Amino acid sequence: MRELLGGKGANLAEMASIGLPVPPGFTVSTEVCTYFYDHERKYPSVLKKDVEQAVKQIEAQLGKKFGGGSNPLLVSVRSGARDSMPGMMDTILNLGLNDVTVEGLSTISN
């Protein structure tokens, strides 16, 4: 599974499969990275649609909306290579946080 999902993706999938509470999410497979480098640094044409669909599923599960002003969904993007590469890849936390969503978070936090 690590070859397909990378280290973090495989670990999350394994935790979910044994019933541990894992927040909803999705994994972009390592095949996308391979495709990117094999096709002049272009992503597969279906990737955007697949990511949009996965985000919609998370929105439905949590009752939140990515970019929404009243109950915004924030996500984290974490890289996970097939082999561990500590410190080599960036993590993006709170993707979706902007002037509109911060107001929504402020409202629901009170």
Protein backbone atom coordinates (compact mmCIF):
# COMPACT_ATOMS: atom_id res chain seq x y z
CA MET A 1 0.00 0.00 0.00
CA ARG A 2 2.93 2.34 0.75
CA GLU A 3 4.05 2.14 -2.89
CA LEU A 4 0.66 3.43 -4.06
CA LEU A 5 -0.35 5.84 -1.28
CA GLY A 6 3.01 6.98 0.09
CA GLY A 7 3.95 6.74 3.75
CA LYS A 8 1.37 9.06 5.31
CA GLY A 9 -1.46 7.93 3.03
CA ALA A 10 -0.77 4.27 3.76
CA ASN A 11 -0.61 4.89 7.51
CA LEU A 12 -3.91 6.82 7.46
CA ALA A 13 -5.59 4.11 5.39
CA GLU A 14 -4.35 1.43 7.77
CA MET A 15 -5.56 3.33 10.85
CA ALA A 16 -8.98 3.85 9.27
CA SER A 17 -9.21 0.16 8.29
CA ILE A 18 -8.70 -0.97 11.90
CA GLY A 19 -11.33 1.44 13.18
CA LEU A 20 -9.22 4.23 14.65
CA PRO A 21 -10.84 7.68 14.44
CA VAL A 22 -9.24 9.35 11.44
CA PRO A 23 -10.60 12.64 10.10
CA PRO A 24 -12.14 12.36 6.63
CA GLY A 25 -9.73 12.95 3.81
CA PHE A 26 -8.33 11.57 0.60
CA THR A 27 -4.97 10.60 -0.79
CA VAL A 28 -3.55 11.52 -4.17
CA SER A 29 -1.64 8.40 -5.16
CA THR A 30 2.06 8.25 -5.93
CA GLU A 31 1.01 7.36 -9.49
CA VAL A 32 0.09 11.03 -9.97
CA CYS A 33 3.66 12.05 -9.15
CA THR A 34 5.02 9.46 -11.56
CA TYR A 35 2.61 10.67 -14.26
CA PHE A 36 3.64 14.29 -13.65
CA TYR A 37 7.31 13.59 -14.29
CA ASP A 38 6.62 11.22 -17.20
CA HIS A 39 4.41 13.80 -18.98
CA GLU A 40 6.44 17.02 -19.08
CA ARG A 41 5.28 18.16 -15.62
CA LYS A 42 1.59 17.98 -16.47
CA TYR A 43 -1.04 16.45 -14.20
CA PRO A 44 -3.52 13.83 -15.39
CA SER A 45 -6.58 15.50 -16.91
CA VAL A 46 -8.92 13.82 -14.41
CA LEU A 47 -7.04 15.00 -11.30
CA LYS A 48 -8.91 18.29 -10.87
CA LYS A 49 -12.31 16.58 -11.16
CA ASP A 50 -11.25 13.82 -8.77
CA VAL A 51 -10.01 16.31 -6.15
CA GLU A 52 -13.16 18.42 -6.46
CA GLN A 53 -15.30 15.31 -5.99
CA ALA A 54 -13.26 14.21 -2.95
CA VAL A 55 -13.62 17.66 -1.36
CA LYS A 56 -17.40 17.51 -1.94
CA GLN A 57 -17.51 14.17 -0.13
CA ILE A 58 -15.68 15.65 2.86
CA GLU A 59 -18.01 18.66 2.83
CA ALA A 60 -20.99 16.31 2.93
CA GLN A 61 -19.53 14.22 5.75
CA LEU A 62 -18.74 17.22 7.93
CA GLY A 63 -21.53 19.60 6.93
CA LYS A 64 -18.96 22.26 6.05
CA LYS A 65 -18.15 24.10 2.82
CA PHE A 66 -14.63 24.69 1.48
CA GLY A 67 -14.35 28.46 1.12
CA GLY A 68 -17.73 28.90 2.80
CA GLY A 69 -18.36 31.91 4.97
CA SER A 70 -20.66 30.46 7.61
CA ASN A 71 -19.20 27.02 8.39
CA PRO A 72 -15.92 26.76 6.48
CA LEU A 73 -14.00 23.58 5.79
CA LEU A 74 -10.26 23.93 6.26
CA VAL A 75 -7.93 21.20 5.09
CA SER A 76 -4.30 20.26 5.52
CA VAL A 77 -2.15 19.10 2.63
CA ARG A 78 0.65 16.76 3.61
CA SER A 79 3.19 15.17 1.36
CA GLY A 80 4.10 11.54 1.78
CA ALA A 81 6.66 9.90 -0.43
CA ARG A 82 7.00 6.15 -0.84
CA ASP A 83 10.13 6.38 1.31
CA SER A 84 10.53 8.65 4.31
CA MET A 85 12.16 12.00 3.49
CA PRO A 86 12.02 14.04 6.72
CA GLY A 87 12.21 17.79 6.18
CA MET A 88 12.17 17.51 2.40
CA MET A 89 8.54 18.26 1.60
CA ASP A 90 6.22 21.04 2.72
CA THR A 91 2.98 20.80 4.65
CA ILE A 92 0.14 23.26 4.11
CA LEU A 93 -2.10 23.75 7.13
CA ASN A 94 -5.51 25.44 7.12
CA LEU A 95 -5.89 25.58 3.34
CA GLY A 96 -9.06 27.55 2.73
CA LEU A 97 -8.42 30.16 5.41
CA ASN A 98 -9.03 33.62 4.03
CA ASP A 99 -10.76 36.89 4.99
CA VAL A 100 -14.22 35.38 4.44
CA THR A 101 -13.66 32.07 6.22
CA VAL A 102 -11.92 33.66 9.21
CA GLU A 103 -15.08 35.70 9.83
CA GLY A 104 -17.16 32.53 9.65
CA LEU A 105 -14.85 30.76 12.07
CA SER A 106 -15.04 33.71 14.42
CA THR A 107 -18.83 33.55 14.40
CA ILE A 108 -19.08 29.82 15.11
CA SER A 109 -16.33 29.93 17.76
CA ASN A 110 -18.30 32.18 20.10
